[in-house]
C-alpha atoms as a PDB file:
ATOM      1  CA  UNK A   1     -19.821  83.855 272.196  1.00  0.00           C
ATOM      2  CA  UNK A   2     -17.759  81.404 270.206  1.00  0.00           C
ATOM      3  CA  UNK A   3     -13.942  80.197 271.154  1.00  0.00           C
ATOM      4  CA  UNK A   4     -12.521  82.146 268.311  1.00  0.00           C
ATOM      5  CA  UNK A   5     -14.192  85.534 270.041  1.00  0.00           C
ATOM      6  CA  UNK A   6     -12.891  84.732 273.169  1.00  0.00           C
ATOM      7  CA  UNK A   7      -9.694  83.779 272.491  1.00  0.00           C
ATOM      8  CA  UNK A   8      -9.496  87.426 270.644  1.00  0.00           C
ATOM      9  CA  UNK A   9     -10.500  89.011 273.601  1.00  0.00           C
ATOM     10  CA  UNK A  10      -8.097  87.193 276.395  1.00  0.00           C
ATOM     11  CA  UNK A  11      -4.692  87.438 274.099  1.00  0.00           C
ATOM     12  CA  UNK A  12      -4.893  83.022 273.722  1.00  0.00           C
ATOM     13  CA  UNK A  13      -5.244  80.922 271.827  1.00  0.00           C
ATOM     14  CA  UNK A  14      -8.363  78.435 270.804  1.00  0.00           C
ATOM     15  CA  UNK A  15      -5.950  75.566 271.808  1.00  0.00           C
ATOM     16  CA  UNK A  16      -5.342  77.321 275.252  1.00  0.00           C
ATOM     17  CA  UNK A  17      -8.714  77.708 275.625  1.00  0.00           C
ATOM     18  CA  UNK A  18      -9.445  73.773 274.951  1.00  0.00           C
ATOM     19  CA  UNK A  19      -6.220  73.090 277.043  1.00  0.00           C
ATOM     20  CA  UNK A  20      -7.407  75.005 280.493  1.00  0.00           C
ATOM     21  CA  UNK A  21     -10.865  73.468 279.868  1.00  0.00           C
ATOM     22  CA  UNK A  22      -9.442  69.956 279.898  1.00  0.00           C
ATOM     23  CA  UNK A  23      -7.260  70.401 283.225  1.00  0.00           C
ATOM     24  CA  UNK A  24     -10.515  72.144 284.734  1.00  0.00           C
ATOM     25  CA  UNK A  25      -8.820  75.400 285.258  1.00  0.00           C
ATOM     26  CA  UNK A  26     -11.763  77.083 282.859  1.00  0.00           C
ATOM     27  CA  UNK A  27     -15.346  76.254 283.342  1.00  0.00           C
ATOM     28  CA  UNK A  28     -16.869  73.972 280.318  1.00  0.00           C
ATOM     29  CA  UNK A  29     -19.379  75.989 277.865  1.00  0.00           C
ATOM     30  CA  UNK A  30     -22.704  74.934 276.669  1.00  0.00           C
ATOM     31  CA  UNK A  31     -22.559  73.752 273.315  1.00  0.00           C
ATOM     32  CA  UNK A  32     -24.999  75.403 270.391  1.00  0.00           C
ATOM     33  CA  UNK A  33     -27.056  72.659 268.684  1.00  0.00           C
ATOM     34  CA  UNK A  34     -24.743  72.668 265.862  1.00  0.00           C
ATOM     35  CA  UNK A  35     -21.448  71.552 268.535  1.00  0.00           C
ATOM     36  CA  UNK A  36     -19.954  75.015 268.925  1.00  0.00           C
ATOM     37  CA  UNK A  37     -18.633  76.278 272.601  1.00  0.00           C
ATOM     38  CA  UNK A  38     -20.435  79.436 273.821  1.00  0.00           C
ATOM     39  CA  UNK A  39     -18.906  80.954 276.108  1.00  0.00           C
ATOM     40  CA  UNK A  40     -20.142  83.732 278.503  1.00  0.00           C
ATOM     41  CA  UNK A  41     -19.089  86.516 279.870  1.00  0.00           C
ATOM     42  CA  UNK A  42     -18.545  85.075 282.589  1.00  0.00           C
ATOM     43  CA  UNK A  43     -15.767  82.905 281.298  1.00  0.00           C
ATOM     44  CA  UNK A  44     -13.831  86.003 280.216  1.00  0.00           C
ATOM     45  CA  UNK A  45     -13.619  86.977 284.221  1.00  0.00           C
ATOM     46  CA  UNK A  46     -12.301  83.441 284.217  1.00  0.00           C
ATOM     47  CA  UNK A  47      -9.301  83.896 282.169  1.00  0.00           C
ATOM     48  CA  UNK A  48      -8.278  87.342 283.629  1.00  0.00           C
ATOM     49  CA  UNK A  49      -8.165  85.135 287.054  1.00  0.00           C
ATOM     50  CA  UNK A  50      -6.412  83.024 285.450  1.00  0.00           C
ATOM     51  CA  UNK A  51      -4.024  85.589 283.850  1.00  0.00           C
ATOM     52  CA  UNK A  52      -3.579  86.831 287.737  1.00  0.00           C
ATOM     53  CA  UNK A  53      -2.806  83.903 289.089  1.00  0.00           C
ATOM     54  CA  UNK A  54      -0.588  82.646 286.483  1.00  0.00           C
ATOM     55  CA  UNK A  55       1.425  85.946 287.241  1.00  0.00           C
ATOM     56  CA  UNK A  56       1.500  84.684 290.993  1.00  0.00           C
ATOM     57  CA  UNK A  57       3.578  82.283 289.674  1.00  0.00           C
ATOM     58  CA  UNK A  58       0.736  79.507 290.323  1.00  0.00           C
ATOM     59  CA  UNK A  59       0.497  76.293 288.559  1.00  0.00           C
ATOM     60  CA  UNK A  60      -2.724  75.507 286.475  1.00  0.00           C
ATOM     61  CA  UNK A  61      -3.322  72.859 289.304  1.00  0.00           C
ATOM     62  CA  UNK A  62      -3.320  75.074 292.188  1.00  0.00           C
ATOM     63  CA  UNK A  63      -5.399  77.557 290.509  1.00  0.00           C
ATOM     64  CA  UNK A  64      -7.971  74.734 290.176  1.00  0.00           C
ATOM     65  CA  UNK A  65      -8.128  73.991 293.692  1.00  0.00           C
ATOM     66  CA  UNK A  66      -8.028  77.612 294.171  1.00  0.00           C
ATOM     67  CA  UNK A  67     -10.474  78.278 292.141  1.00  0.00           C
ATOM     68  CA  UNK A  68     -12.508  75.720 293.557  1.00  0.00           C
ATOM     69  CA  UNK A  69     -12.638  76.785 297.184  1.00  0.00           C
ATOM     70  CA  UNK A  70     -13.193  80.560 296.671  1.00  0.00           C
ATOM     71  CA  UNK A  71     -16.757  80.489 297.563  1.00  0.00           C
ATOM     72  CA  UNK A  72     -15.598  78.934 300.662  1.00  0.00           C
ATOM     73  CA  UNK A  73     -13.643  81.558 301.342  1.00  0.00           C
ATOM     74  CA  UNK A  74     -15.976  84.490 300.231  1.00  0.00           C
ATOM     75  CA  UNK A  75     -18.457  83.203 302.865  1.00  0.00           C
ATOM     76  CA  UNK A  76     -15.714  83.419 305.594  1.00  0.00           C
ATOM     77  CA  UNK A  77     -14.511  79.483 305.359  1.00  0.00           C
ATOM     78  CA  UNK A  78     -10.852  80.204 303.878  1.00  0.00           C
ATOM     79  CA  UNK A  79      -8.513  78.278 306.022  1.00  0.00           C
ATOM     80  CA  UNK A  80      -7.908  75.776 302.817  1.00  0.00           C
ATOM     81  CA  UNK A  81      -7.334  78.938 300.306  1.00  0.00           C
ATOM     82  CA  UNK A  82      -4.747  80.739 303.251  1.00  0.00           C
ATOM     83  CA  UNK A  83      -3.213  77.532 304.002  1.00  0.00           C
ATOM     84  CA  UNK A  84      -2.332  77.220 300.050  1.00  0.00           C
ATOM     85  CA  UNK A  85      -1.487  80.904 299.656  1.00  0.00           C
ATOM     86  CA  UNK A  86       1.139  79.904 302.561  1.00  0.00           C
ATOM     87  CA  UNK A  87       2.626  77.277 301.066  1.00  0.00           C
ATOM     88  CA  UNK A  88       3.143  78.974 298.168  1.00  0.00           C
ATOM     89  CA  UNK A  89       4.634  82.184 299.571  1.00  0.00           C
ATOM     90  CA  UNK A  90       6.982  79.664 301.301  1.00  0.00           C
ATOM     91  CA  UNK A  91       7.859  78.250 298.190  1.00  0.00           C
ATOM     92  CA  UNK A  92       8.349  82.172 296.549  1.00  0.00           C
ATOM     93  CA  UNK A  93      10.522  82.645 299.475  1.00  0.00           C
ATOM     94  CA  UNK A  94      12.914  79.714 298.782  1.00  0.00           C
ATOM     95  CA  UNK A  95      13.117  80.655 295.300  1.00  0.00           C
ATOM     96  CA  UNK A  96      13.502  84.265 296.191  1.00  0.00           C
ATOM     97  CA  UNK A  97      17.092  82.891 298.677  1.00  0.00           C
ATOM     98  CA  UNK A  98      18.112  80.779 295.537  1.00  0.00           C
ATOM     99  CA  UNK A  99      17.994  83.576 293.284  1.00  0.00           C
ATOM    100  CA  UNK A 100      19.879  85.735 295.556  1.00  0.00           C
ATOM    101  CA  UNK A 101      22.452  82.902 296.056  1.00  0.00           C
ATOM    102  CA  UNK A 102      21.968  82.907 291.872  1.00  0.00           C
ATOM    103  CA  UNK A 103      23.208  86.419 291.741  1.00  0.00           C
ATOM    104  CA  UNK A 104      25.955  86.594 294.228  1.00  0.00           C
ATOM    105  CA  UNK A 105      27.996  83.916 292.621  1.00  0.00           C
ATOM    106  CA  UNK A 106      27.053  85.839 289.189  1.00  0.00           C
ATOM    107  CA  UNK A 107      28.630  89.257 291.254  1.00  0.00           C
ATOM    108  CA  UNK A 108      31.732  87.129 291.946  1.00  0.00           C
ATOM    109  CA  UNK A 109      32.201  85.579 288.975  1.00  0.00           C
ATOM    110  CA  UNK A 110      31.444  88.683 287.290  1.00  0.00           C
ATOM    111  CA  UNK A 111      34.681  90.197 289.590  1.00  0.00           C
ATOM    112  CA  UNK A 112      37.114  87.185 288.743  1.00  0.00           C
ATOM    113  CA  UNK A 113      40.489  89.023 287.627  1.00  0.00           C
ATOM    114  CA  UNK A 114      41.102  85.704 285.625  1.00  0.00           C
ATOM    115  CA  UNK A 115      43.431  86.199 282.357  1.00  0.00           C
ATOM    116  CA  UNK A 116      44.790  83.934 280.009  1.00  0.00           C
ATOM    117  CA  UNK A 117      47.632  82.845 282.102  1.00  0.00           C
ATOM    118  CA  UNK A 118      45.967  81.785 284.709  1.00  0.00           C
ATOM    119  CA  UNK A 119      46.384  77.827 284.469  1.00  0.00           C
ATOM    120  CA  UNK A 120      42.824  76.901 286.206  1.00  0.00           C
ATOM    121  CA  UNK A 121      39.842  79.706 286.905  1.00  0.00           C
ATOM    122  CA  UNK A 122      38.999  78.660 290.783  1.00  0.00           C
ATOM    123  CA  UNK A 123      35.255  79.667 289.778  1.00  0.00           C
ATOM    124  CA  UNK A 124      35.458  77.093 286.808  1.00  0.00           C
ATOM    125  CA  UNK A 125      36.980  74.424 289.258  1.00  0.00           C
ATOM    126  CA  UNK A 126      34.566  75.159 291.896  1.00  0.00           C
ATOM    127  CA  UNK A 127      31.830  74.559 289.118  1.00  0.00           C
ATOM    128  CA  UNK A 128      33.209  71.323 288.126  1.00  0.00           C
ATOM    129  CA  UNK A 129      33.533  70.058 291.613  1.00  0.00           C
ATOM    130  CA  UNK A 130      30.713  71.107 293.292  1.00  0.00           C
ATOM    131  CA  UNK A 131      28.133  68.745 294.476  1.00  0.00           C
ATOM    132  CA  UNK A 132      25.056  69.474 296.820  1.00  0.00           C
ATOM    133  CA  UNK A 133      23.097  66.665 299.391  1.00  0.00           C
ATOM    134  CA  UNK A 134      21.208  66.919 302.334  1.00  0.00           C
ATOM    135  CA  UNK A 135      23.124  69.271 304.091  1.00  0.00           C
ATOM    136  CA  UNK A 136      24.226  71.513 300.928  1.00  0.00           C
ATOM    137  CA  UNK A 137      27.682  70.694 301.304  1.00  0.00           C
ATOM    138  CA  UNK A 138      30.352  72.247 299.237  1.00  0.00           C
ATOM    139  CA  UNK A 139      33.401  70.912 298.025  1.00  0.00           C
ATOM    140  CA  UNK A 140      35.902  73.283 296.740  1.00  0.00           C
ATOM    141  CA  UNK A 141      39.643  72.009 295.674  1.00  0.00           C
ATOM    142  CA  UNK A 142      42.472  74.037 294.625  1.00  0.00           C
ATOM    143  CA  UNK A 143      45.142  76.198 296.475  1.00  0.00           C
ATOM    144  CA  UNK A 144      45.725  76.921 300.146  1.00  0.00           C
ATOM    145  CA  UNK A 145      43.612  79.667 300.483  1.00  0.00           C
ATOM    146  CA  UNK A 146      41.873  79.559 297.048  1.00  0.00           C
ATOM    147  CA  UNK A 147      38.659  78.010 298.520  1.00  0.00           C
ATOM    148  CA  UNK A 148      38.376  80.076 301.605  1.00  0.00           C
ATOM    149  CA  UNK A 149      37.954  82.973 298.994  1.00  0.00           C
ATOM    150  CA  UNK A 150      35.780  81.576 296.563  1.00  0.00           C
ATOM    151  CA  UNK A 151      33.717  80.629 299.308  1.00  0.00           C
ATOM    152  CA  UNK A 152      33.422  84.150 300.958  1.00  0.00           C
ATOM    153  CA  UNK A 153      32.886  85.270 297.395  1.00  0.00           C
ATOM    154  CA  UNK A 154      30.245  82.993 296.752  1.00  0.00           C
ATOM    155  CA  UNK A 155      29.056  83.226 300.252  1.00  0.00           C
ATOM    156  CA  UNK A 156      29.248  80.045 300.746  1.00  0.00           C
ATOM    157  CA  UNK A 157      30.826  77.486 303.305  1.00  0.00           C
ATOM    158  CA  UNK A 158      33.718  75.271 301.999  1.00  0.00           C
ATOM    159  CA  UNK A 159      33.615  71.686 303.622  1.00  0.00           C
ATOM    160  CA  UNK A 160      36.324  70.951 306.001  1.00  0.00           C
END
């Protein structure tokens, strides 16, 4: 089948298919005598695998590496694939932890009771004064007690 047909079946644009080929994620198809790409049903299966893997959060580079070792995995020599998947799990866990922190900060901000008479919102002040280094230290400024309140609301520890 030609690129347009595969693109239509897969819901991708022809340019995306050419990009996947260039990145080594989609196998290069045979060419017809007139130079057109001629895809096989396996190409459609590869695109389904790519869509599934991208849905898991894998990058094209990771998909290419894992796809290159699938045969080893199926033959029982899948240590490399398992190692790559474990690394991705650790990355997903880190993202989930960051999202949980983001959620708690948004929840705290949603509960902020600042009104027009509030000279400086402690959350805005926190955002402007926030810094992060290797120890993920946080500096909070403001009135006595405010930094402890903000830190508790945001689930973090203030610097001393």
